[in-house]
Every structure is written in C-alpha cells, then in structure tokens.
N, C-alpha and C. Protein backbone atom coordinates (compact mmCIF):
# COMPACT_ATOMS: atom_id res chain seq x y z
N MET A 1 34.69 163.05 110.96
CA MET A 1 35.66 162.10 111.33
C MET A 1 36.60 161.85 110.20
N VAL A 2 37.86 161.62 110.50
CA VAL A 2 38.90 161.41 109.49
C VAL A 2 39.10 159.92 109.30
N ASN A 3 39.12 159.48 108.02
CA ASN A 3 39.42 158.13 107.69
C ASN A 3 40.92 157.88 107.63
N LEU A 4 41.41 156.91 108.38
CA LEU A 4 42.85 156.61 108.35
C LEU A 4 43.13 155.58 107.23
N ASN A 5 44.28 155.72 106.56
CA ASN A 5 44.71 154.81 105.51
C ASN A 5 45.27 153.57 106.21
N LYS A 6 44.62 152.43 106.00
CA LYS A 6 45.03 151.21 106.69
C LYS A 6 45.89 150.34 105.77
N LYS A 7 46.72 150.93 104.88
CA LYS A 7 47.53 150.14 103.97
C LYS A 7 48.98 150.09 104.44
N GLY A 8 49.33 150.49 105.62
CA GLY A 8 50.69 150.51 106.14
C GLY A 8 51.08 149.14 106.69
N ILE A 9 52.33 149.02 107.16
CA ILE A 9 52.84 147.78 107.77
C ILE A 9 52.92 148.01 109.27
N THR A 10 52.43 147.06 110.02
CA THR A 10 52.53 147.14 111.45
C THR A 10 53.89 146.69 111.90
N SER A 11 54.27 147.04 113.10
CA SER A 11 55.59 146.61 113.63
C SER A 11 55.71 145.10 113.77
N VAL A 12 54.62 144.40 114.05
CA VAL A 12 54.63 142.96 114.12
C VAL A 12 54.89 142.37 112.77
N GLU A 13 54.26 142.86 111.73
CA GLU A 13 54.50 142.35 110.40
C GLU A 13 55.95 142.64 109.98
N LEU A 14 56.48 143.77 110.31
CA LEU A 14 57.85 144.11 110.01
C LEU A 14 58.82 143.17 110.75
N LEU A 15 58.56 142.90 111.98
CA LEU A 15 59.39 141.97 112.79
C LEU A 15 59.38 140.58 112.24
N VAL A 16 58.20 140.08 111.85
CA VAL A 16 58.06 138.73 111.26
C VAL A 16 58.83 138.67 109.92
N SER A 17 58.71 139.69 109.10
CA SER A 17 59.44 139.72 107.84
C SER A 17 60.94 139.73 108.08
N PHE A 18 61.42 140.47 109.06
CA PHE A 18 62.87 140.53 109.38
C PHE A 18 63.33 139.19 109.87
N ILE A 19 62.56 138.48 110.67
CA ILE A 19 62.96 137.14 111.17
C ILE A 19 63.05 136.15 110.03
N ILE A 20 62.10 136.17 109.12
CA ILE A 20 62.09 135.27 107.95
C ILE A 20 63.37 135.54 107.07
N VAL A 21 63.60 136.78 106.79
CA VAL A 21 64.76 137.14 105.95
C VAL A 21 66.03 136.73 106.69
N SER A 22 66.12 136.98 108.01
CA SER A 22 67.33 136.60 108.75
C SER A 22 67.57 135.10 108.71
N THR A 23 66.53 134.37 108.86
CA THR A 23 66.65 132.86 108.83
C THR A 23 67.18 132.41 107.48
N ILE A 24 66.69 133.01 106.41
CA ILE A 24 67.15 132.63 105.04
C ILE A 24 68.65 133.02 104.90
N VAL A 25 69.02 134.18 105.37
CA VAL A 25 70.41 134.64 105.22
C VAL A 25 71.37 133.72 106.03
N VAL A 26 70.97 133.36 107.26
CA VAL A 26 71.83 132.47 108.06
C VAL A 26 71.96 131.14 107.40
N GLY A 27 70.89 130.59 106.85
CA GLY A 27 70.96 129.33 106.14
C GLY A 27 71.85 129.40 104.93
N MET A 28 71.79 130.49 104.18
CA MET A 28 72.67 130.64 103.00
C MET A 28 74.13 130.78 103.46
N TYR A 29 74.38 131.48 104.55
CA TYR A 29 75.72 131.68 105.05
C TYR A 29 76.34 130.31 105.42
N ASN A 30 75.57 129.48 106.14
CA ASN A 30 76.08 128.16 106.44
C ASN A 30 76.34 127.30 105.22
N LEU A 31 75.49 127.43 104.24
CA LEU A 31 75.69 126.70 102.99
C LEU A 31 77.00 127.15 102.29
N ILE A 32 77.23 128.45 102.28
CA ILE A 32 78.44 129.01 101.64
C ILE A 32 79.70 128.56 102.43
N LEU A 33 79.64 128.54 103.74
CA LEU A 33 80.74 128.08 104.57
C LEU A 33 81.06 126.60 104.27
N ASN A 34 79.99 125.79 104.13
CA ASN A 34 80.15 124.38 103.84
C ASN A 34 80.84 124.17 102.52
N TYR A 35 80.43 124.90 101.48
CA TYR A 35 81.07 124.81 100.18
C TYR A 35 82.51 125.30 100.20
N ARG A 36 82.80 126.35 100.98
CA ARG A 36 84.14 126.84 101.10
C ARG A 36 85.04 125.76 101.79
N ASN A 37 84.54 125.10 102.79
CA ASN A 37 85.31 124.06 103.46
C ASN A 37 85.60 122.92 102.50
N ARG A 38 84.64 122.53 101.72
CA ARG A 38 84.84 121.47 100.72
C ARG A 38 85.88 121.89 99.70
N GLU A 39 85.85 123.15 99.31
CA GLU A 39 86.82 123.64 98.32
C GLU A 39 88.25 123.60 98.90
N GLN A 40 88.41 123.95 100.16
CA GLN A 40 89.71 123.90 100.79
C GLN A 40 90.22 122.46 100.88
N ILE A 41 89.35 121.54 101.18
CA ILE A 41 89.71 120.13 101.23
C ILE A 41 90.17 119.62 99.86
N GLU A 42 89.47 120.05 98.82
CA GLU A 42 89.83 119.63 97.45
C GLU A 42 91.17 120.26 97.05
N GLU A 43 91.45 121.50 97.47
CA GLU A 43 92.71 122.14 97.18
C GLU A 43 93.86 121.36 97.83
N ILE A 44 93.63 120.95 99.08
CA ILE A 44 94.64 120.15 99.81
C ILE A 44 94.90 118.84 99.05
N ASN A 45 93.83 118.17 98.66
CA ASN A 45 93.93 116.88 97.94
C ASN A 45 94.68 117.07 96.61
N ASN A 46 94.34 118.12 95.88
CA ASN A 46 94.99 118.36 94.58
C ASN A 46 96.51 118.65 94.77
N GLU A 47 96.89 119.43 95.78
CA GLU A 47 98.28 119.69 96.01
C GLU A 47 99.06 118.45 96.39
N VAL A 48 98.47 117.62 97.23
CA VAL A 48 99.14 116.37 97.68
C VAL A 48 99.24 115.41 96.48
N ILE A 49 98.21 115.29 95.67
CA ILE A 49 98.25 114.43 94.51
C ILE A 49 99.31 114.89 93.51
N SER A 50 99.39 116.18 93.29
CA SER A 50 100.39 116.76 92.42
C SER A 50 101.80 116.48 92.94
N PHE A 51 102.02 116.62 94.23
CA PHE A 51 103.31 116.34 94.84
C PHE A 51 103.65 114.87 94.68
N SER A 52 102.72 113.97 94.97
CA SER A 52 103.00 112.56 94.84
C SER A 52 103.29 112.15 93.41
N ASN A 53 102.49 112.70 92.47
CA ASN A 53 102.77 112.43 91.03
C ASN A 53 104.15 112.84 90.61
N ASN A 54 104.61 114.00 91.07
CA ASN A 54 105.94 114.51 90.74
C ASN A 54 107.01 113.58 91.25
N ILE A 55 106.94 113.21 92.52
CA ILE A 55 107.90 112.31 93.14
C ILE A 55 107.91 110.98 92.41
N GLN A 56 106.77 110.42 92.22
CA GLN A 56 106.67 109.10 91.57
C GLN A 56 107.27 109.14 90.16
N LYS A 57 106.97 110.18 89.41
CA LYS A 57 107.48 110.29 88.04
C LYS A 57 109.01 110.28 88.04
N VAL A 58 109.61 111.11 88.90
CA VAL A 58 111.05 111.21 88.95
C VAL A 58 111.70 109.87 89.32
N ILE A 59 111.25 109.31 90.40
CA ILE A 59 111.86 108.05 90.88
C ILE A 59 111.55 106.89 89.96
N GLN A 60 110.33 106.74 89.52
CA GLN A 60 109.99 105.59 88.63
C GLN A 60 110.69 105.69 87.30
N SER A 61 110.88 106.92 86.80
CA SER A 61 111.60 107.04 85.52
C SER A 61 113.00 106.47 85.64
N ASP A 62 113.71 106.80 86.76
CA ASP A 62 115.01 106.23 86.95
C ASP A 62 114.99 104.73 87.15
N LEU A 63 114.04 104.26 87.93
CA LEU A 63 113.98 102.82 88.22
C LEU A 63 113.69 102.00 86.97
N VAL A 64 112.83 102.50 86.08
CA VAL A 64 112.49 101.74 84.93
C VAL A 64 113.49 101.97 83.77
N LEU A 65 113.71 103.21 83.47
CA LEU A 65 114.54 103.54 82.35
C LEU A 65 116.04 103.33 82.63
N GLY A 66 116.44 103.51 83.88
CA GLY A 66 117.84 103.35 84.23
C GLY A 66 118.25 101.89 84.48
N HIS A 67 117.29 101.00 84.58
CA HIS A 67 117.49 99.57 84.89
C HIS A 67 118.28 99.40 86.20
N LEU A 68 117.48 99.34 87.27
CA LEU A 68 118.03 99.17 88.61
C LEU A 68 118.72 97.83 88.73
N ILE A 69 119.98 97.85 89.09
CA ILE A 69 120.72 96.57 89.20
C ILE A 69 121.13 96.27 90.65
N ASN A 70 121.10 97.29 91.54
CA ASN A 70 121.49 97.04 92.92
C ASN A 70 120.91 98.06 93.86
N VAL A 71 120.57 97.58 95.07
CA VAL A 71 120.11 98.47 96.14
C VAL A 71 121.09 98.26 97.28
N SER A 72 121.64 99.34 97.81
CA SER A 72 122.63 99.20 98.89
C SER A 72 122.40 100.27 99.88
N ASN A 73 123.14 100.18 101.00
CA ASN A 73 123.11 101.20 102.06
C ASN A 73 121.72 101.49 102.58
N VAL A 74 120.85 100.49 102.63
CA VAL A 74 119.50 100.71 103.18
C VAL A 74 119.68 100.86 104.68
N SER A 75 119.25 102.00 105.16
CA SER A 75 119.41 102.30 106.60
C SER A 75 118.49 101.40 107.45
N ALA A 76 118.85 101.19 108.68
CA ALA A 76 118.09 100.35 109.58
C ALA A 76 116.66 100.88 109.80
N ASP A 77 116.49 102.19 109.77
CA ASP A 77 115.16 102.77 109.97
C ASP A 77 114.37 102.80 108.68
N GLY A 78 115.01 102.45 107.55
CA GLY A 78 114.33 102.42 106.22
C GLY A 78 114.12 103.78 105.64
N TYR A 79 114.90 104.75 106.08
CA TYR A 79 114.73 106.13 105.56
C TYR A 79 115.72 106.52 104.47
N SER A 80 116.68 105.69 104.17
CA SER A 80 117.64 106.02 103.10
C SER A 80 118.18 104.78 102.40
N ALA A 81 118.57 104.96 101.10
CA ALA A 81 119.09 103.84 100.34
C ALA A 81 119.81 104.39 99.14
N THR A 82 120.71 103.60 98.58
CA THR A 82 121.45 103.97 97.38
C THR A 82 121.09 102.97 96.29
N PHE A 83 120.81 103.52 95.10
CA PHE A 83 120.41 102.68 93.94
C PHE A 83 121.49 102.78 92.86
N THR A 84 121.78 101.61 92.27
CA THR A 84 122.79 101.57 91.16
C THR A 84 122.05 101.17 89.92
N PHE A 85 122.33 101.91 88.82
CA PHE A 85 121.71 101.69 87.57
C PHE A 85 122.79 101.39 86.51
N ASP A 86 122.41 100.72 85.39
CA ASP A 86 123.37 100.45 84.35
C ASP A 86 122.97 100.92 82.96
N ASN A 87 121.92 101.70 82.85
CA ASN A 87 121.46 102.12 81.54
C ASN A 87 121.27 103.66 81.51
N PRO A 88 121.83 104.41 80.64
CA PRO A 88 122.76 104.04 79.57
C PRO A 88 124.18 103.85 80.07
N ASN A 89 124.55 104.58 81.12
CA ASN A 89 125.86 104.39 81.76
C ASN A 89 125.62 104.04 83.22
N SER A 90 126.61 103.46 83.87
CA SER A 90 126.44 103.10 85.25
C SER A 90 126.46 104.39 86.09
N TYR A 91 125.46 104.51 86.94
CA TYR A 91 125.37 105.65 87.87
C TYR A 91 124.62 105.22 89.10
N THR A 92 124.75 106.04 90.15
CA THR A 92 124.04 105.79 91.41
C THR A 92 123.21 106.98 91.80
N THR A 93 122.13 106.69 92.53
CA THR A 93 121.31 107.75 93.09
C THR A 93 121.04 107.43 94.55
N THR A 94 120.69 108.46 95.30
CA THR A 94 120.35 108.24 96.70
C THR A 94 118.96 108.78 96.98
N LEU A 95 118.22 108.00 97.78
CA LEU A 95 116.88 108.41 98.22
C LEU A 95 116.90 108.50 99.74
N LYS A 96 116.47 109.64 100.26
CA LYS A 96 116.39 109.84 101.71
C LYS A 96 115.00 110.40 102.05
N ILE A 97 114.38 109.78 103.05
CA ILE A 97 113.09 110.24 103.55
C ILE A 97 113.32 110.84 104.93
N ASN A 98 112.98 112.09 105.12
CA ASN A 98 113.18 112.74 106.38
C ASN A 98 111.85 113.20 106.96
N PRO A 99 111.18 112.35 107.74
CA PRO A 99 109.86 112.70 108.28
C PRO A 99 109.89 113.93 109.22
N ASP A 100 111.03 114.11 109.93
CA ASP A 100 111.11 115.24 110.85
C ASP A 100 111.02 116.57 110.13
N ASN A 101 111.65 116.70 108.97
CA ASN A 101 111.63 117.95 108.22
C ASN A 101 110.64 117.97 107.10
N GLY A 102 109.99 116.81 106.81
CA GLY A 102 109.01 116.77 105.74
C GLY A 102 109.68 116.87 104.39
N ILE A 103 110.85 116.27 104.22
CA ILE A 103 111.58 116.36 102.96
C ILE A 103 111.94 114.98 102.45
N ILE A 104 111.78 114.80 101.14
CA ILE A 104 112.22 113.59 100.45
C ILE A 104 113.33 114.04 99.50
N SER A 105 114.55 113.53 99.68
CA SER A 105 115.66 113.90 98.86
C SER A 105 115.97 112.77 97.87
N TYR A 106 116.21 113.13 96.62
CA TYR A 106 116.49 112.09 95.60
C TYR A 106 117.36 112.72 94.49
N GLY A 107 118.30 111.92 94.04
CA GLY A 107 119.12 112.32 92.87
C GLY A 107 120.46 111.69 92.87
N LYS A 108 121.21 112.01 91.81
CA LYS A 108 122.58 111.53 91.65
C LYS A 108 123.47 112.26 92.63
N SER A 109 124.59 111.69 92.96
CA SER A 109 125.55 112.35 93.87
C SER A 109 125.90 113.72 93.32
N GLY A 110 125.83 114.73 94.16
CA GLY A 110 126.11 116.11 93.73
C GLY A 110 124.97 116.81 93.08
N ASP A 111 123.88 116.05 92.79
CA ASP A 111 122.71 116.65 92.10
C ASP A 111 121.42 116.20 92.82
N ILE A 112 121.47 116.13 94.12
CA ILE A 112 120.34 115.69 94.91
C ILE A 112 119.36 116.83 95.05
N ILE A 113 118.09 116.54 94.82
CA ILE A 113 117.01 117.56 94.90
C ILE A 113 116.16 117.23 96.12
N ASP A 114 115.85 118.24 96.90
CA ASP A 114 114.99 118.10 98.08
C ASP A 114 113.54 118.40 97.65
N TYR A 115 112.67 117.46 97.86
CA TYR A 115 111.26 117.61 97.51
C TYR A 115 110.54 117.82 98.84
N GLU A 116 110.20 119.06 99.18
CA GLU A 116 109.47 119.37 100.41
C GLU A 116 108.01 119.06 100.21
N ILE A 117 107.37 118.49 101.26
CA ILE A 117 105.93 118.27 101.16
C ILE A 117 105.28 119.66 101.05
N PRO A 118 104.08 119.72 100.41
CA PRO A 118 103.41 121.03 100.32
C PRO A 118 103.21 121.68 101.69
N SER A 119 103.34 122.95 101.76
CA SER A 119 103.24 123.70 103.04
C SER A 119 101.74 123.93 103.32
N ILE A 120 101.10 122.92 103.83
CA ILE A 120 99.68 122.91 104.21
C ILE A 120 99.63 122.65 105.71
N ALA A 121 98.85 123.44 106.42
CA ALA A 121 98.70 123.24 107.85
C ALA A 121 98.29 121.82 108.15
N ASP A 122 98.97 121.19 109.14
CA ASP A 122 98.71 119.86 109.63
C ASP A 122 99.09 118.74 108.67
N LEU A 123 99.71 119.03 107.51
CA LEU A 123 100.19 118.00 106.61
C LEU A 123 101.58 117.56 107.05
N MET A 124 101.77 116.24 107.26
CA MET A 124 103.05 115.74 107.72
C MET A 124 103.46 114.51 106.92
N LEU A 125 104.77 114.34 106.82
CA LEU A 125 105.34 113.13 106.26
C LEU A 125 105.43 112.11 107.40
N SER A 126 104.71 111.01 107.27
CA SER A 126 104.62 110.02 108.36
C SER A 126 105.93 109.31 108.59
N PRO A 127 106.27 109.03 109.86
CA PRO A 127 107.44 108.22 110.21
C PRO A 127 107.27 106.79 109.73
N ASP A 128 106.07 106.40 109.33
CA ASP A 128 105.88 105.02 108.81
C ASP A 128 106.30 104.90 107.36
N SER A 129 106.69 106.01 106.69
CA SER A 129 107.25 105.97 105.34
C SER A 129 108.58 105.20 105.41
N LYS A 130 108.85 104.39 104.36
CA LYS A 130 110.07 103.63 104.43
C LYS A 130 110.48 103.08 103.09
N ILE A 131 111.71 102.66 103.02
CA ILE A 131 112.31 102.01 101.84
C ILE A 131 112.63 100.58 102.26
N GLU A 132 112.08 99.61 101.53
CA GLU A 132 112.36 98.20 101.85
C GLU A 132 113.00 97.54 100.66
N TYR A 133 114.03 96.75 100.91
CA TYR A 133 114.66 95.95 99.89
C TYR A 133 114.60 94.50 100.30
N ILE A 134 114.05 93.69 99.40
CA ILE A 134 113.91 92.25 99.65
C ILE A 134 114.94 91.57 98.70
N PRO A 135 116.09 91.20 99.29
CA PRO A 135 117.13 90.55 98.43
C PRO A 135 116.74 89.15 98.03
N ALA A 136 117.11 88.82 96.83
CA ALA A 136 116.89 87.45 96.29
C ALA A 136 117.64 87.44 94.95
N SER A 137 117.52 86.32 94.23
CA SER A 137 118.17 86.30 92.93
C SER A 137 117.63 87.44 92.04
N ASN A 138 116.33 87.67 92.11
CA ASN A 138 115.70 88.84 91.52
C ASN A 138 115.11 89.63 92.67
N GLY A 139 115.85 90.53 93.24
CA GLY A 139 115.43 91.30 94.40
C GLY A 139 114.24 92.18 94.08
N TYR A 140 113.72 92.80 95.13
CA TYR A 140 112.53 93.60 94.99
C TYR A 140 112.68 94.85 95.86
N LEU A 141 112.33 96.00 95.29
CA LEU A 141 112.41 97.26 96.00
C LEU A 141 110.99 97.80 96.19
N LYS A 142 110.70 98.25 97.42
CA LYS A 142 109.38 98.78 97.76
C LYS A 142 109.58 100.08 98.53
N ILE A 143 109.11 101.18 97.96
CA ILE A 143 109.19 102.47 98.60
C ILE A 143 107.77 102.90 98.95
N THR A 144 107.54 103.19 100.26
CA THR A 144 106.21 103.59 100.72
C THR A 144 106.32 104.99 101.28
N ILE A 145 105.54 105.91 100.75
CA ILE A 145 105.50 107.29 101.27
C ILE A 145 104.08 107.51 101.79
N ILE A 146 104.02 107.98 103.07
CA ILE A 146 102.75 108.19 103.67
C ILE A 146 102.67 109.63 104.18
N LEU A 147 101.61 110.32 103.78
CA LEU A 147 101.36 111.72 104.23
C LEU A 147 100.11 111.66 105.11
N THR A 148 100.16 112.43 106.16
CA THR A 148 99.01 112.46 107.10
C THR A 148 98.41 113.88 107.13
N HIS A 149 97.07 113.89 107.23
CA HIS A 149 96.35 115.18 107.36
C HIS A 149 94.94 114.82 107.87
N PRO A 150 94.38 115.66 108.76
CA PRO A 150 93.06 115.33 109.34
C PRO A 150 91.94 115.25 108.29
N ASN A 151 92.10 115.89 107.11
CA ASN A 151 91.03 115.89 106.13
C ASN A 151 91.06 114.68 105.20
N PHE A 152 92.09 113.86 105.25
CA PHE A 152 92.16 112.63 104.42
C PHE A 152 91.27 111.55 105.00
N PRO A 153 90.71 110.71 104.15
CA PRO A 153 90.04 109.53 104.70
C PRO A 153 91.05 108.72 105.51
N ASP A 154 90.72 108.27 106.66
CA ASP A 154 91.62 107.57 107.57
C ASP A 154 92.83 108.41 107.95
N GLU A 155 92.80 109.74 107.66
CA GLU A 155 93.84 110.71 107.97
C GLU A 155 95.16 110.43 107.30
N THR A 156 95.21 109.54 106.29
CA THR A 156 96.48 109.25 105.56
C THR A 156 96.24 109.27 104.05
N TYR A 157 97.32 109.60 103.37
CA TYR A 157 97.35 109.48 101.89
C TYR A 157 98.73 108.81 101.62
N SER A 158 98.71 107.67 101.00
CA SER A 158 99.92 106.96 100.78
C SER A 158 100.07 106.51 99.35
N PHE A 159 101.31 106.34 98.91
CA PHE A 159 101.57 105.77 97.60
C PHE A 159 102.86 104.93 97.68
N MET A 160 102.92 103.97 96.79
CA MET A 160 104.05 103.05 96.82
C MET A 160 104.70 103.05 95.41
N ILE A 161 106.00 102.86 95.44
CA ILE A 161 106.78 102.67 94.21
C ILE A 161 107.40 101.32 94.35
N ASN A 162 107.13 100.41 93.42
CA ASN A 162 107.68 99.06 93.49
C ASN A 162 108.51 98.78 92.23
N CYS A 163 109.55 98.04 92.41
CA CYS A 163 110.43 97.75 91.26
C CYS A 163 111.24 96.51 91.49
N PRO A 164 111.31 95.60 90.50
CA PRO A 164 112.23 94.47 90.63
C PRO A 164 113.67 94.98 90.49
N VAL A 165 114.57 94.29 91.11
CA VAL A 165 116.00 94.66 91.05
C VAL A 165 116.72 93.69 90.12
N ASN A 166 117.49 94.22 89.21
CA ASN A 166 118.24 93.43 88.23
C ASN A 166 117.34 92.51 87.41
N TYR A 167 116.23 93.07 87.00
CA TYR A 167 115.27 92.27 86.23
C TYR A 167 115.77 92.13 84.79
N VAL A 168 115.76 90.92 84.32
CA VAL A 168 116.18 90.65 82.94
C VAL A 168 114.91 90.33 82.13
N TYR A 169 114.74 91.10 81.03
CA TYR A 169 113.54 90.92 80.28
C TYR A 169 113.84 90.35 78.90
C-alpha cells in the first residue's frame, strides 16, 4: 500500500484563506477611500482659505493704509460700492460682488482686478454676500463674503471685512 503525503492544502482551507485575505483587502480599500476623501476636503478648505486671505489682504490694506474717508454708490442689492481714500493722495476704488459669475472685482478706476472664486465643483459665491455702509458722524463699513460648498460645516464659509469711515486717530 502507498502512503499519501498529507501535507497539502485542501480546497476548503484555500477558500477560507481567500475569504480572509479578501475581507482584509476590502477593509483597507475603504480606509484608503476615506483618507482620500478627507484629503480632498482639506484641499478645498485650503484653496478657499487662501482665496479669502488674498482678498482680505488687498481690501484691508487699502482700507487701513489708504484711510477710508467716504463710501458712496452703495447699490440697493449691496453688491457694489465706491470707496474714497485720502492717504497718500486722494483716490477711489470700486468693489463689486457678482454671485452669478462667482467674481469679486476690486481696484482703482482703470485698474480693477477680477478675483474669481476657486474653480472647485459645487463652490459658489452666495447671493447673501453684501456690502453694508452705516452712515453716521463716524460711519462704518461692513463687507461680508459668503462661499457655499457641501463639504463646509453648515455648508458655508464666510469672512467679514470691517472698517470705520473717516476715523480720526
């Protein structure tokens, strides 16, 4: 009689091993997809924060260093206004918010720069963005920019630029 070598793998053992390995691979795949999704959300947040920092820097530099003395031509919808400065020379700038095109335009007459919101799917400039001027002996300017995206907490990211008008220090 011939002795058979019983050190091989049966088909049941092979099937069980394959199922265990498959389960581990599927779990790792889901984990990788989850991290990839988080990375995409962080990229969106970083682009939006960079955009908002750029806009704020440009506008606030003028408002503070230029010494804002007057706000005029504020549109009824709050999407545009003209600012007059007196430092170092008298000059005016215009700010326009266009939610339909996703563009914020700002600059001196003849030198207006269009700042387009980052081209990210589902990112929009909210129609709730606005320019408000509160006239008084020392008036007050409030610019609110709101961006919407499904991945933001509460689906919005907003920032405000505030400045007194004709402030004497």
